[in-house]
Amino acid sequence: GTFPSKEALQRLSRQELLRALNTMLDHVLHRLMALQQDIPKAQDLET
C-alpha cells in the first residue's frame, strides 16, 4: 500500500497517470530529504 501497483496504474487514463506520477514523485523527494539526515558519508549523500 505504500506505492500503487502496476494494475492500479494501468486502470488510469493517461492524463490521470501523469498527474498521479507527479504527485507520487513529490512524496518521494520529500522522503529522500528526510532520509538524508541518517546518511553520514558525503559519498552516500551525493548518491
All heavy atoms as atom14 arrays in JSON, in Angstrom:
{
  "sequence": "GTFPSKEALQRLSRQELLRALNTMLDHVLHRLMALQQDIPKAQDLET",
  "atom14_mask": [
    [1, 1, 1, 1, 0, 0, 0, 0, 0, 0, 0, 0, 0, 0],
    [1, 1, 1, 1, 1, 1, 1, 0, 0, 0, 0, 0, 0, 0],
    [1, 1, 1, 1, 1, 1, 1, 1, 1, 1, 1, 0, 0, 0],
    [1, 1, 1, 1, 1, 1, 1, 0, 0, 0, 0, 0, 0, 0],
    [1, 1, 1, 1, 1, 1, 0, 0, 0, 0, 0, 0, 0, 0],
    [1, 1, 1, 1, 1, 1, 1, 1, 1, 0, 0, 0, 0, 0],
    [1, 1, 1, 1, 1, 1, 1, 1, 1, 0, 0, 0, 0, 0],
    [1, 1, 1, 1, 1, 0, 0, 0, 0, 0, 0, 0, 0, 0],
    [1, 1, 1, 1, 1, 1, 1, 1, 0, 0, 0, 0, 0, 0],
    [1, 1, 1, 1, 1, 1, 1, 1, 1, 0, 0, 0, 0, 0],
    [1, 1, 1, 1, 1, 1, 1, 1, 1, 1, 1, 0, 0, 0],
    [1, 1, 1, 1, 1, 1, 1, 1, 0, 0, 0, 0, 0, 0],
    [1, 1, 1, 1, 1, 1, 0, 0, 0, 0, 0, 0, 0, 0],
    [1, 1, 1, 1, 1, 1, 1, 1, 1, 1, 1, 0, 0, 0],
    [1, 1, 1, 1, 1, 1, 1, 1, 1, 0, 0, 0, 0, 0],
    [1, 1, 1, 1, 1, 1, 1, 1, 1, 0, 0, 0, 0, 0],
    [1, 1, 1, 1, 1, 1, 1, 1, 0, 0, 0, 0, 0, 0],
    [1, 1, 1, 1, 1, 1, 1, 1, 0, 0, 0, 0, 0, 0],
    [1, 1, 1, 1, 1, 1, 1, 1, 1, 1, 1, 0, 0, 0],
    [1, 1, 1, 1, 1, 0, 0, 0, 0, 0, 0, 0, 0, 0],
    [1, 1, 1, 1, 1, 1, 1, 1, 0, 0, 0, 0, 0, 0],
    [1, 1, 1, 1, 1, 1, 1, 1, 0, 0, 0, 0, 0, 0],
    [1, 1, 1, 1, 1, 1, 1, 0, 0, 0, 0, 0, 0, 0],
    [1, 1, 1, 1, 1, 1, 1, 1, 0, 0, 0, 0, 0, 0],
    [1, 1, 1, 1, 1, 1, 1, 1, 0, 0, 0, 0, 0, 0],
    [1, 1, 1, 1, 1, 1, 1, 1, 0, 0, 0, 0, 0, 0],
    [1, 1, 1, 1, 1, 1, 1, 1, 1, 1, 0, 0, 0, 0],
    [1, 1, 1, 1, 1, 1, 1, 0, 0, 0, 0, 0, 0, 0],
    [1, 1, 1, 1, 1, 1, 1, 1, 0, 0, 0, 0, 0, 0],
    [1, 1, 1, 1, 1, 1, 1, 1, 1, 1, 0, 0, 0, 0],
    [1, 1, 1, 1, 1, 1, 1, 1, 1, 1, 1, 0, 0, 0],
    [1, 1, 1, 1, 1, 1, 1, 1, 0, 0, 0, 0, 0, 0],
    [1, 1, 1, 1, 1, 1, 1, 1, 0, 0, 0, 0, 0, 0],
    [1, 1, 1, 1, 1, 0, 0, 0, 0, 0, 0, 0, 0, 0],
    [1, 1, 1, 1, 1, 1, 1, 1, 0, 0, 0, 0, 0, 0],
    [1, 1, 1, 1, 1, 1, 1, 1, 1, 0, 0, 0, 0, 0],
    [1, 1, 1, 1, 1, 1, 1, 1, 1, 0, 0, 0, 0, 0],
    [1, 1, 1, 1, 1, 1, 1, 1, 0, 0, 0, 0, 0, 0],
    [1, 1, 1, 1, 1, 1, 1, 1, 0, 0, 0, 0, 0, 0],
    [1, 1, 1, 1, 1, 1, 1, 0, 0, 0, 0, 0, 0, 0],
    [1, 1, 1, 1, 1, 1, 1, 1, 1, 0, 0, 0, 0, 0],
    [1, 1, 1, 1, 1, 0, 0, 0, 0, 0, 0, 0, 0, 0],
    [1, 1, 1, 1, 1, 1, 1, 1, 1, 0, 0, 0, 0, 0],
    [1, 1, 1, 1, 1, 1, 1, 1, 0, 0, 0, 0, 0, 0],
    [1, 1, 1, 1, 1, 1, 1, 1, 0, 0, 0, 0, 0, 0],
    [1, 1, 1, 1, 1, 1, 1, 1, 1, 0, 0, 0, 0, 0],
    [1, 1, 1, 1, 1, 1, 1, 0, 0, 0, 0, 0, 0, 0]
  ],
  "atom14_positions": [
    [[0.78, -1.22, 0.0], [0.0, 0.0, 0.0], [0.81, 1.27, 0.0], [0.26, 2.36, -0.16], [0.0, 0.0, 0.0], [0.0, 0.0, 0.0], [0.0, 0.0, 0.0], [0.0, 0.0, 0.0], [0.0, 0.0, 0.0], [0.0, 0.0, 0.0], [0.0, 0.0, 0.0], [0.0, 0.0, 0.0], [0.0, 0.0, 0.0], [0.0, 0.0, 0.0]],
    [[2.14, 1.17, 0.19], [2.95, 2.39, 0.18], [2.97, 3.02, -1.2], [2.86, 4.24, -1.35], [4.38, 2.08, 0.63], [4.35, 1.51, 1.95], [5.23, 3.34, 0.66], [0.0, 0.0, 0.0], [0.0, 0.0, 0.0], [0.0, 0.0, 0.0], [0.0, 0.0, 0.0], [0.0, 0.0, 0.0], [0.0, 0.0, 0.0], [0.0, 0.0, 0.0]],
    [[3.14, 2.2, -2.22], [3.14, 2.66, -3.61], [2.04, 1.91, -4.37], [1.73, 0.76, -4.05], [4.49, 2.41, -4.28], [5.6, 3.29, -3.8], [6.36, 2.94, -2.7], [5.89, 4.48, -4.46], [7.39, 3.75, -2.26], [6.92, 5.3, -4.03], [7.67, 4.93, -2.93], [0.0, 0.0, 0.0], [0.0, 0.0, 0.0], [0.0, 0.0, 0.0]],
    [[1.46, 2.54, -5.39], [0.43, 1.86, -6.19], [1.01, 0.71, -7.0], [2.17, 0.74, -7.39], [-0.12, 2.96, -7.11], [0.97, 3.98, -7.17], [1.66, 3.94, -5.84], [0.0, 0.0, 0.0], [0.0, 0.0, 0.0], [0.0, 0.0, 0.0], [0.0, 0.0, 0.0], [0.0, 0.0, 0.0], [0.0, 0.0, 0.0], [0.0, 0.0, 0.0]],
    [[0.2, -0.29, -7.22], [0.63, -1.44, -8.01], [0.58, -1.12, -9.5], [0.01, -0.12, -9.93], [-0.29, -2.63, -7.73], [-1.61, -2.37, -8.2], [0.0, 0.0, 0.0], [0.0, 0.0, 0.0], [0.0, 0.0, 0.0], [0.0, 0.0, 0.0], [0.0, 0.0, 0.0], [0.0, 0.0, 0.0], [0.0, 0.0, 0.0], [0.0, 0.0, 0.0]],
    [[1.16, -1.99, -10.29], [1.11, -1.85, -11.73], [-0.33, -1.87, -12.23], [-0.72, -1.08, -13.1], [1.91, -2.97, -12.41], [1.83, -2.95, -13.93], [2.52, -4.16, -14.53], [2.28, -4.24, -16.03], [2.89, -5.46, -16.61], [0.0, 0.0, 0.0], [0.0, 0.0, 0.0], [0.0, 0.0, 0.0], [0.0, 0.0, 0.0], [0.0, 0.0, 0.0]],
    [[-1.15, -2.75, -11.65], [-2.54, -2.85, -12.06], [-3.29, -1.56, -11.78], [-4.14, -1.14, -12.58], [-3.22, -4.02, -11.35], [-2.78, -5.39, -11.84], [-1.47, -5.83, -11.2], [-0.92, -5.08, -10.38], [-1.0, -6.94, -11.53], [0.0, 0.0, 0.0], [0.0, 0.0, 0.0], [0.0, 0.0, 0.0], [0.0, 0.0, 0.0], [0.0, 0.0, 0.0]],
    [[-3.0, -0.91, -10.64], [-3.65, 0.36, -10.31], [-3.26, 1.44, -11.31], [-4.09, 2.26, -11.72], [-3.28, 0.78, -8.89], [0.0, 0.0, 0.0], [0.0, 0.0, 0.0], [0.0, 0.0, 0.0], [0.0, 0.0, 0.0], [0.0, 0.0, 0.0], [0.0, 0.0, 0.0], [0.0, 0.0, 0.0], [0.0, 0.0, 0.0], [0.0, 0.0, 0.0]],
    [[-2.0, 1.45, -11.73], [-1.55, 2.43, -12.72], [-2.21, 2.19, -14.08], [-2.57, 3.13, -14.78], [-0.02, 2.35, -12.88], [0.81, 2.67, -11.62], [2.29, 2.49, -11.93], [0.53, 4.07, -11.12], [0.0, 0.0, 0.0], [0.0, 0.0, 0.0], [0.0, 0.0, 0.0], [0.0, 0.0, 0.0], [0.0, 0.0, 0.0], [0.0, 0.0, 0.0]],
    [[-2.38, 0.94, -14.43], [-2.98, 0.6, -15.72], [-4.45, 1.02, -15.81], [-4.95, 1.25, -16.9], [-2.86, -0.9, -15.99], [-1.46, -1.37, -16.27], [-1.35, -2.89, -16.35], [-1.97, -3.61, -15.56], [-0.59, -3.38, -17.31], [0.0, 0.0, 0.0], [0.0, 0.0, 0.0], [0.0, 0.0, 0.0], [0.0, 0.0, 0.0], [0.0, 0.0, 0.0]],
    [[-5.12, 1.12, -14.68], [-6.53, 1.48, -14.7], [-6.76, 2.96, -14.95], [-7.89, 3.38, -15.22], [-7.2, 1.07, -13.37], [-7.39, -0.43, -13.21], [-8.36, -0.73, -12.07], [-7.8, -0.37, -10.78], [-7.19, -1.24, -9.97], [-7.03, -2.5, -10.34], [-6.74, -0.86, -8.79], [0.0, 0.0, 0.0], [0.0, 0.0, 0.0], [0.0, 0.0, 0.0]],
    [[-5.71, 3.76, -14.85], [-5.85, 5.21, -15.01], [-5.77, 5.61, -16.47], [-5.1, 4.97, -17.28], [-4.76, 5.93, -14.22], [-4.73, 5.7, -12.7], [-3.54, 6.43, -12.09], [-6.03, 6.16, -12.06], [0.0, 0.0, 0.0], [0.0, 0.0, 0.0], [0.0, 0.0, 0.0], [0.0, 0.0, 0.0], [0.0, 0.0, 0.0], [0.0, 0.0, 0.0]],
    [[-6.43, 6.72, -16.8], [-6.23, 7.31, -18.12], [-4.82, 7.9, -18.16], [-4.15, 8.02, -17.13], [-7.26, 8.41, -18.38], [-6.99, 9.55, -17.57], [0.0, 0.0, 0.0], [0.0, 0.0, 0.0], [0.0, 0.0, 0.0], [0.0, 0.0, 0.0], [0.0, 0.0, 0.0], [0.0, 0.0, 0.0], [0.0, 0.0, 0.0], [0.0, 0.0, 0.0]],
    [[-4.38, 8.28, -19.34], [-3.01, 8.79, -19.45], [-2.81, 10.08, -18.68], [-1.78, 10.28, -18.02], [-2.65, 8.94, -20.93], [-2.66, 7.6, -21.65], [-2.07, 7.66, -23.03], [-2.01, 6.29, -23.61], [-1.36, 5.99, -24.71], [-0.74, 6.93, -25.4], [-1.34, 4.74, -25.16], [0.0, 0.0, 0.0], [0.0, 0.0, 0.0], [0.0, 0.0, 0.0]],
    [[-3.78, 10.99, -18.78], [-3.66, 12.23, -18.02], [-3.66, 11.95, -16.53], [-2.89, 12.55, -15.77], [-4.82, 13.18, -18.38], [-4.64, 13.9, -19.71], [-3.65, 15.05, -19.59], [-3.01, 15.25, -18.55], [-3.49, 15.82, -20.66], [0.0, 0.0, 0.0], [0.0, 0.0, 0.0], [0.0, 0.0, 0.0], [0.0, 0.0, 0.0], [0.0, 0.0, 0.0]],
    [[-4.52, 11.06, -16.08], [-4.58, 10.71, -14.66], [-3.27, 10.09, -14.19], [-2.78, 10.39, -13.1], [-5.74, 9.74, -14.41], [-7.11, 10.36, -14.53], [-8.22, 9.33, -14.47], [-7.94, 8.14, -14.72], [-9.36, 9.71, -14.18], [0.0, 0.0, 0.0], [0.0, 0.0, 0.0], [0.0, 0.0, 0.0], [0.0, 0.0, 0.0], [0.0, 0.0, 0.0]],
    [[-2.71, 9.24, -15.02], [-1.46, 8.58, -14.64], [-0.35, 9.6, -14.47], [0.41, 9.55, -13.5], [-1.07, 7.54, -15.69], [0.29, 6.86, -15.46], [0.3, 6.08, -14.16], [0.66, 5.96, -16.62], [0.0, 0.0, 0.0], [0.0, 0.0, 0.0], [0.0, 0.0, 0.0], [0.0, 0.0, 0.0], [0.0, 0.0, 0.0], [0.0, 0.0, 0.0]],
    [[-0.23, 10.53, -15.4], [0.84, 11.52, -15.32], [0.67, 12.41, -14.09], [1.66, 12.75, -13.42], [0.87, 12.37, -16.6], [1.23, 11.6, -17.88], [1.18, 12.54, -19.09], [2.6, 10.95, -17.78], [0.0, 0.0, 0.0], [0.0, 0.0, 0.0], [0.0, 0.0, 0.0], [0.0, 0.0, 0.0], [0.0, 0.0, 0.0], [0.0, 0.0, 0.0]],
    [[-0.56, 12.78, -13.78], [-0.78, 13.59, -12.57], [-0.45, 12.8, -11.31], [0.12, 13.32, -10.36], [-2.23, 14.09, -12.53], [-2.56, 15.15, -13.55], [-3.85, 15.87, -13.18], [-4.97, 14.95, -13.09], [-5.74, 14.59, -14.11], [-5.49, 15.08, -15.33], [-6.76, 13.76, -13.96], [0.0, 0.0, 0.0], [0.0, 0.0, 0.0], [0.0, 0.0, 0.0]],
    [[-0.83, 11.51, -11.32], [-0.53, 10.66, -10.16], [0.98, 10.49, -9.98], [1.49, 10.51, -8.85], [-1.21, 9.3, -10.31], [0.0, 0.0, 0.0], [0.0, 0.0, 0.0], [0.0, 0.0, 0.0], [0.0, 0.0, 0.0], [0.0, 0.0, 0.0], [0.0, 0.0, 0.0], [0.0, 0.0, 0.0], [0.0, 0.0, 0.0], [0.0, 0.0, 0.0]],
    [[1.7, 10.3, -11.09], [3.15, 10.16, -11.02], [3.79, 11.42, -10.45], [4.7, 11.35, -9.61], [3.72, 9.88, -12.42], [3.55, 8.47, -12.98], [4.13, 8.41, -14.38], [4.19, 7.44, -12.08], [0.0, 0.0, 0.0], [0.0, 0.0, 0.0], [0.0, 0.0, 0.0], [0.0, 0.0, 0.0], [0.0, 0.0, 0.0], [0.0, 0.0, 0.0]],
    [[3.32, 12.56, -10.9], [3.87, 13.82, -10.42], [3.69, 13.96, -8.91], [4.61, 14.34, -8.18], [3.2, 14.99, -11.15], [3.88, 16.31, -10.87], [5.04, 16.53, -11.18], [3.15, 17.22, -10.25], [0.0, 0.0, 0.0], [0.0, 0.0, 0.0], [0.0, 0.0, 0.0], [0.0, 0.0, 0.0], [0.0, 0.0, 0.0], [0.0, 0.0, 0.0]],
    [[2.49, 13.62, -8.44], [2.22, 13.69, -7.0], [3.06, 12.68, -6.22], [3.64, 13.01, -5.18], [0.73, 13.42, -6.74], [-0.06, 14.41, -7.42], [0.41, 13.47, -5.25], [0.0, 0.0, 0.0], [0.0, 0.0, 0.0], [0.0, 0.0, 0.0], [0.0, 0.0, 0.0], [0.0, 0.0, 0.0], [0.0, 0.0, 0.0], [0.0, 0.0, 0.0]],
    [[3.15, 11.45, -6.75], [3.9, 10.41, -6.06], [5.38, 10.77, -5.96], [6.02, 10.57, -4.9], [3.74, 9.09, -6.83], [4.2, 7.86, -6.09], [3.1, 7.42, -4.74], [4.28, 7.29, -3.4], [0.0, 0.0, 0.0], [0.0, 0.0, 0.0], [0.0, 0.0, 0.0], [0.0, 0.0, 0.0], [0.0, 0.0, 0.0], [0.0, 0.0, 0.0]],
    [[5.94, 11.3, -7.02], [7.36, 11.65, -7.01], [7.64, 12.84, -6.1], [8.75, 12.96, -5.57], [7.84, 11.93, -8.44], [7.86, 10.68, -9.35], [8.25, 11.06, -10.77], [8.82, 9.62, -8.8], [0.0, 0.0, 0.0], [0.0, 0.0, 0.0], [0.0, 0.0, 0.0], [0.0, 0.0, 0.0], [0.0, 0.0, 0.0], [0.0, 0.0, 0.0]],
    [[6.66, 13.72, -5.91], [6.82, 14.78, -4.92], [6.98, 14.18, -3.52], [7.8, 14.63, -2.72], [5.61, 15.72, -4.95], [5.68, 16.72, -6.1], [6.79, 16.97, -6.59], [4.62, 17.25, -6.49], [0.0, 0.0, 0.0], [0.0, 0.0, 0.0], [0.0, 0.0, 0.0], [0.0, 0.0, 0.0], [0.0, 0.0, 0.0], [0.0, 0.0, 0.0]],
    [[6.18, 13.14, -3.23], [6.31, 12.45, -1.94], [7.69, 11.8, -1.81], [8.29, 11.81, -0.73], [5.23, 11.39, -1.8], [3.86, 11.95, -1.52], [3.56, 12.67, -0.4], [2.69, 11.86, -2.22], [2.3, 13.02, -0.4], [1.74, 12.54, -1.5], [0.0, 0.0, 0.0], [0.0, 0.0, 0.0], [0.0, 0.0, 0.0], [0.0, 0.0, 0.0]],
    [[8.18, 11.21, -2.9], [9.48, 10.56, -2.87], [10.58, 11.59, -2.57], [11.47, 11.35, -1.75], [9.77, 9.83, -4.2], [11.21, 9.3, -4.21], [8.79, 8.68, -4.4], [0.0, 0.0, 0.0], [0.0, 0.0, 0.0], [0.0, 0.0, 0.0], [0.0, 0.0, 0.0], [0.0, 0.0, 0.0], [0.0, 0.0, 0.0], [0.0, 0.0, 0.0]],
    [[10.52, 12.74, -3.23], [11.51, 13.79, -2.99], [11.49, 14.22, -1.53], [12.55, 14.42, -0.91], [11.24, 14.98, -3.91], [11.61, 14.8, -5.38], [11.11, 16.0, -6.19], [13.11, 14.65, -5.55], [0.0, 0.0, 0.0], [0.0, 0.0, 0.0], [0.0, 0.0, 0.0], [0.0, 0.0, 0.0], [0.0, 0.0, 0.0], [0.0, 0.0, 0.0]],
    [[10.3, 14.38, -0.98], [10.17, 14.78, 0.42], [10.79, 13.72, 1.34], [11.5, 14.05, 2.31], [8.7, 14.99, 0.76], [8.46, 15.37, 2.19], [8.73, 16.63, 2.7], [7.99, 14.63, 3.25], [8.44, 16.66, 3.99], [7.99, 15.47, 4.35], [0.0, 0.0, 0.0], [0.0, 0.0, 0.0], [0.0, 0.0, 0.0], [0.0, 0.0, 0.0]],
    [[10.54, 12.46, 1.05], [11.07, 11.38, 1.88], [12.59, 11.27, 1.76], [13.29, 10.98, 2.74], [10.42, 10.06, 1.49], [10.78, 8.91, 2.42], [10.26, 9.19, 3.85], [10.82, 8.24, 4.8], [10.34, 7.02, 5.02], [9.28, 6.61, 4.34], [10.91, 6.23, 5.9], [0.0, 0.0, 0.0], [0.0, 0.0, 0.0], [0.0, 0.0, 0.0]],
    [[13.11, 11.5, 0.56], [14.57, 11.43, 0.38], [15.26, 12.51, 1.21], [16.35, 12.28, 1.75], [14.93, 11.58, -1.09], [14.6, 10.38, -1.99], [15.05, 10.67, -3.43], [15.24, 9.1, -1.48], [0.0, 0.0, 0.0], [0.0, 0.0, 0.0], [0.0, 0.0, 0.0], [0.0, 0.0, 0.0], [0.0, 0.0, 0.0], [0.0, 0.0, 0.0]],
    [[14.66, 13.68, 1.32], [15.25, 14.73, 2.14], [15.29, 14.31, 3.6], [16.24, 14.62, 4.32], [14.45, 16.03, 1.97], [14.68, 16.71, 0.62], [13.94, 18.36, 0.49], [12.21, 17.93, 0.41], [0.0, 0.0, 0.0], [0.0, 0.0, 0.0], [0.0, 0.0, 0.0], [0.0, 0.0, 0.0], [0.0, 0.0, 0.0], [0.0, 0.0, 0.0]],
    [[14.27, 13.58, 4.05], [14.27, 13.09, 5.42], [15.31, 12.0, 5.62], [15.97, 11.94, 6.67], [12.87, 12.57, 5.78], [0.0, 0.0, 0.0], [0.0, 0.0, 0.0], [0.0, 0.0, 0.0], [0.0, 0.0, 0.0], [0.0, 0.0, 0.0], [0.0, 0.0, 0.0], [0.0, 0.0, 0.0], [0.0, 0.0, 0.0], [0.0, 0.0, 0.0]],
    [[15.47, 11.13, 4.62], [16.45, 10.04, 4.73], [17.88, 10.57, 4.81], [18.75, 9.93, 5.4], [16.32, 9.1, 3.54], [15.1, 8.19, 3.49], [15.12, 7.32, 2.24], [15.03, 7.31, 4.74], [0.0, 0.0, 0.0], [0.0, 0.0, 0.0], [0.0, 0.0, 0.0], [0.0, 0.0, 0.0], [0.0, 0.0, 0.0], [0.0, 0.0, 0.0]],
    [[18.13, 11.72, 4.21], [19.49, 12.26, 4.22], [20.0, 12.53, 5.63], [21.21, 12.55, 5.87], [19.53, 13.56, 3.4], [19.51, 13.32, 1.9], [19.59, 14.61, 1.11], [18.79, 15.52, 1.31], [20.55, 14.7, 0.22], [0.0, 0.0, 0.0], [0.0, 0.0, 0.0], [0.0, 0.0, 0.0], [0.0, 0.0, 0.0], [0.0, 0.0, 0.0]],
    [[19.1, 12.73, 6.57], [19.52, 13.0, 7.94], [20.21, 11.8, 8.59], [20.95, 11.96, 9.55], [18.3, 13.41, 8.77], [17.6, 14.65, 8.25], [16.33, 14.98, 9.03], [16.04, 14.36, 10.06], [15.58, 15.95, 8.55], [0.0, 0.0, 0.0], [0.0, 0.0, 0.0], [0.0, 0.0, 0.0], [0.0, 0.0, 0.0], [0.0, 0.0, 0.0]],
    [[19.94, 10.6, 8.07], [20.54, 9.4, 8.65], [21.72, 8.89, 7.84], [22.22, 7.79, 8.1], [19.49, 8.28, 8.74], [18.39, 8.61, 9.73], [18.69, 9.28, 10.73], [17.23, 8.22, 9.49], [0.0, 0.0, 0.0], [0.0, 0.0, 0.0], [0.0, 0.0, 0.0], [0.0, 0.0, 0.0], [0.0, 0.0, 0.0], [0.0, 0.0, 0.0]],
    [[22.17, 9.66, 6.85], [23.28, 9.23, 5.99], [24.53, 10.02, 6.36], [24.59, 11.23, 6.12], [22.92, 9.43, 4.51], [21.69, 8.58, 4.16], [24.09, 9.05, 3.62], [21.21, 8.74, 2.73], [0.0, 0.0, 0.0], [0.0, 0.0, 0.0], [0.0, 0.0, 0.0], [0.0, 0.0, 0.0], [0.0, 0.0, 0.0], [0.0, 0.0, 0.0]],
    [[25.54, 9.37, 6.93], [26.71, 10.1, 7.44], [27.76, 10.44, 6.38], [28.42, 11.48, 6.46], [27.29, 9.13, 8.47], [26.9, 7.77, 7.96], [25.58, 7.94, 7.27], [0.0, 0.0, 0.0], [0.0, 0.0, 0.0], [0.0, 0.0, 0.0], [0.0, 0.0, 0.0], [0.0, 0.0, 0.0], [0.0, 0.0, 0.0], [0.0, 0.0, 0.0]],
    [[27.94, 9.57, 5.37], [29.03, 9.74, 4.44], [28.67, 10.69, 3.3], [27.57, 10.64, 2.76], [29.45, 8.39, 3.86], [30.01, 7.42, 4.89], [30.46, 6.13, 4.23], [31.03, 5.15, 5.25], [31.45, 3.87, 4.63], [0.0, 0.0, 0.0], [0.0, 0.0, 0.0], [0.0, 0.0, 0.0], [0.0, 0.0, 0.0], [0.0, 0.0, 0.0]],
    [[29.63, 11.55, 2.94], [29.39, 12.52, 1.87], [29.11, 11.83, 0.54], [28.28, 12.29, -0.25], [30.6, 13.45, 1.74], [0.0, 0.0, 0.0], [0.0, 0.0, 0.0], [0.0, 0.0, 0.0], [0.0, 0.0, 0.0], [0.0, 0.0, 0.0], [0.0, 0.0, 0.0], [0.0, 0.0, 0.0], [0.0, 0.0, 0.0], [0.0, 0.0, 0.0]],
    [[29.79, 10.71, 0.3], [29.58, 9.99, -0.97], [28.16, 9.46, -1.07], [27.54, 9.53, -2.14], [30.57, 8.84, -1.08], [30.44, 8.05, -2.38], [31.44, 6.9, -2.44], [32.33, 6.81, -1.62], [31.27, 6.03, -3.42], [0.0, 0.0, 0.0], [0.0, 0.0, 0.0], [0.0, 0.0, 0.0], [0.0, 0.0, 0.0], [0.0, 0.0, 0.0]],
    [[27.61, 8.95, 0.04], [26.25, 8.45, 0.03], [25.24, 9.59, -0.08], [24.18, 9.45, -0.69], [25.98, 7.62, 1.28], [26.83, 6.36, 1.31], [27.03, 5.75, 0.24], [27.31, 5.99, 2.4], [0.0, 0.0, 0.0], [0.0, 0.0, 0.0], [0.0, 0.0, 0.0], [0.0, 0.0, 0.0], [0.0, 0.0, 0.0], [0.0, 0.0, 0.0]],
    [[25.57, 10.73, 0.52], [24.71, 11.9, 0.38], [24.65, 12.35, -1.07], [23.6, 12.76, -1.57], [25.22, 13.04, 1.27], [24.94, 12.92, 2.77], [25.66, 14.02, 3.53], [23.44, 12.98, 3.04], [0.0, 0.0, 0.0], [0.0, 0.0, 0.0], [0.0, 0.0, 0.0], [0.0, 0.0, 0.0], [0.0, 0.0, 0.0], [0.0, 0.0, 0.0]],
    [[25.77, 12.27, -1.76], [25.82, 12.64, -3.17], [24.95, 11.71, -4.0], [24.31, 12.13, -4.97], [27.26, 12.62, -3.67], [27.43, 13.03, -5.13], [26.95, 14.44, -5.4], [26.97, 15.27, -4.47], [26.54, 14.72, -6.55], [0.0, 0.0, 0.0], [0.0, 0.0, 0.0], [0.0, 0.0, 0.0], [0.0, 0.0, 0.0], [0.0, 0.0, 0.0]],
    [[24.92, 10.43, -3.62], [24.05, 9.48, -4.32], [22.6, 9.89, -4.22], [21.85, 9.86, -5.2], [24.23, 8.06, -3.72], [25.58, 7.64, -3.91], [23.3, 7.07, -4.4], [0.0, 0.0, 0.0], [0.0, 0.0, 0.0], [0.0, 0.0, 0.0], [0.0, 0.0, 0.0], [0.0, 0.0, 0.0], [0.0, 0.0, 0.0], [0.0, 0.0, 0.0]]
  ]
}
